[in-house]
Amino acid sequence: MEDKKRPQDKWDEKAGIAAKTYKIEKKTADEFKALCKELNIGQGPTITKLMKDFIEQHK
């Protein structure tokens, strides 16, 4: 059987994008989601920036 990938999965792989799952407090996640929506910014790019900043600070 051939391994079939969705077009989105192919794009994600090519772009170096990976889905991750983290467990955090619901209240924190809900507040973050609401604030991102209010500011009209994406959650993913915002989390990515937070992670990159954290990495740079602790290298």
Protein backbone atom coordinates (compact mmCIF):
# COMPACT_ATOMS: atom_id res chain seq x y z
CA MET A 1 0.00 0.00 0.00
CA GLU A 2 1.31 3.41 -0.96
CA ASP A 3 1.80 6.03 1.76
CA LYS A 4 -0.39 8.93 0.65
CA LYS A 5 0.20 12.40 2.05
CA ARG A 6 -2.24 15.24 1.95
CA PRO A 7 -1.04 18.29 0.01
CA GLN A 8 -0.92 20.25 3.29
CA ASP A 9 1.29 17.58 4.88
CA LYS A 10 3.68 17.77 1.92
CA TRP A 11 3.80 21.57 2.19
CA ASP A 12 4.38 21.43 5.96
CA GLU A 13 7.23 18.96 5.54
CA LYS A 14 8.85 21.03 2.80
CA ALA A 15 8.51 24.22 4.88
CA GLY A 16 9.90 22.55 8.01
CA ILE A 17 6.61 22.90 9.91
CA ALA A 18 5.68 20.38 12.61
CA ALA A 19 2.55 20.12 14.73
CA LYS A 20 3.32 19.91 18.45
CA THR A 21 1.09 19.27 21.45
CA TYR A 22 1.75 20.76 24.86
CA LYS A 23 -0.25 20.62 28.05
CA ILE A 24 -0.73 23.98 29.73
CA GLU A 25 -3.30 25.45 32.08
CA LYS A 26 -6.63 25.96 30.35
CA LYS A 27 -6.99 29.47 31.76
CA THR A 28 -3.61 30.50 30.32
CA ALA A 29 -4.41 28.96 26.92
CA ASP A 30 -7.83 30.63 26.81
CA GLU A 31 -6.40 34.04 27.76
CA PHE A 32 -3.63 33.71 25.17
CA LYS A 33 -6.13 32.72 22.46
CA ALA A 34 -8.46 35.62 23.32
CA LEU A 35 -5.64 38.17 23.37
CA CYS A 36 -4.23 36.95 20.05
CA LYS A 37 -7.71 37.26 18.54
CA GLU A 38 -8.16 40.75 20.02
CA LEU A 39 -4.78 41.84 18.61
CA ASN A 40 -5.50 40.07 15.30
CA ILE A 41 -2.30 38.02 15.44
CA GLY A 42 -1.84 34.29 14.97
CA GLN A 43 -1.18 32.03 17.92
CA GLY A 44 1.35 29.88 16.04
CA PRO A 45 3.64 32.70 14.92
CA THR A 46 3.42 34.28 18.38
CA ILE A 47 4.41 31.04 20.13
CA THR A 48 7.22 30.57 17.61
CA LYS A 49 8.57 34.05 18.38
CA LEU A 50 8.36 33.38 22.13
CA MET A 51 10.29 30.13 21.68
CA LYS A 52 12.98 31.74 19.51
CA ASP A 53 13.40 34.60 22.00
CA PHE A 54 13.68 32.10 24.86
CA ILE A 55 16.30 30.06 22.98
CA GLU A 56 18.39 33.15 22.20
CA GLN A 57 18.25 34.35 25.82
CA HIS A 58 19.47 31.02 27.14
CA LYS A 59 22.17 30.06 24.66
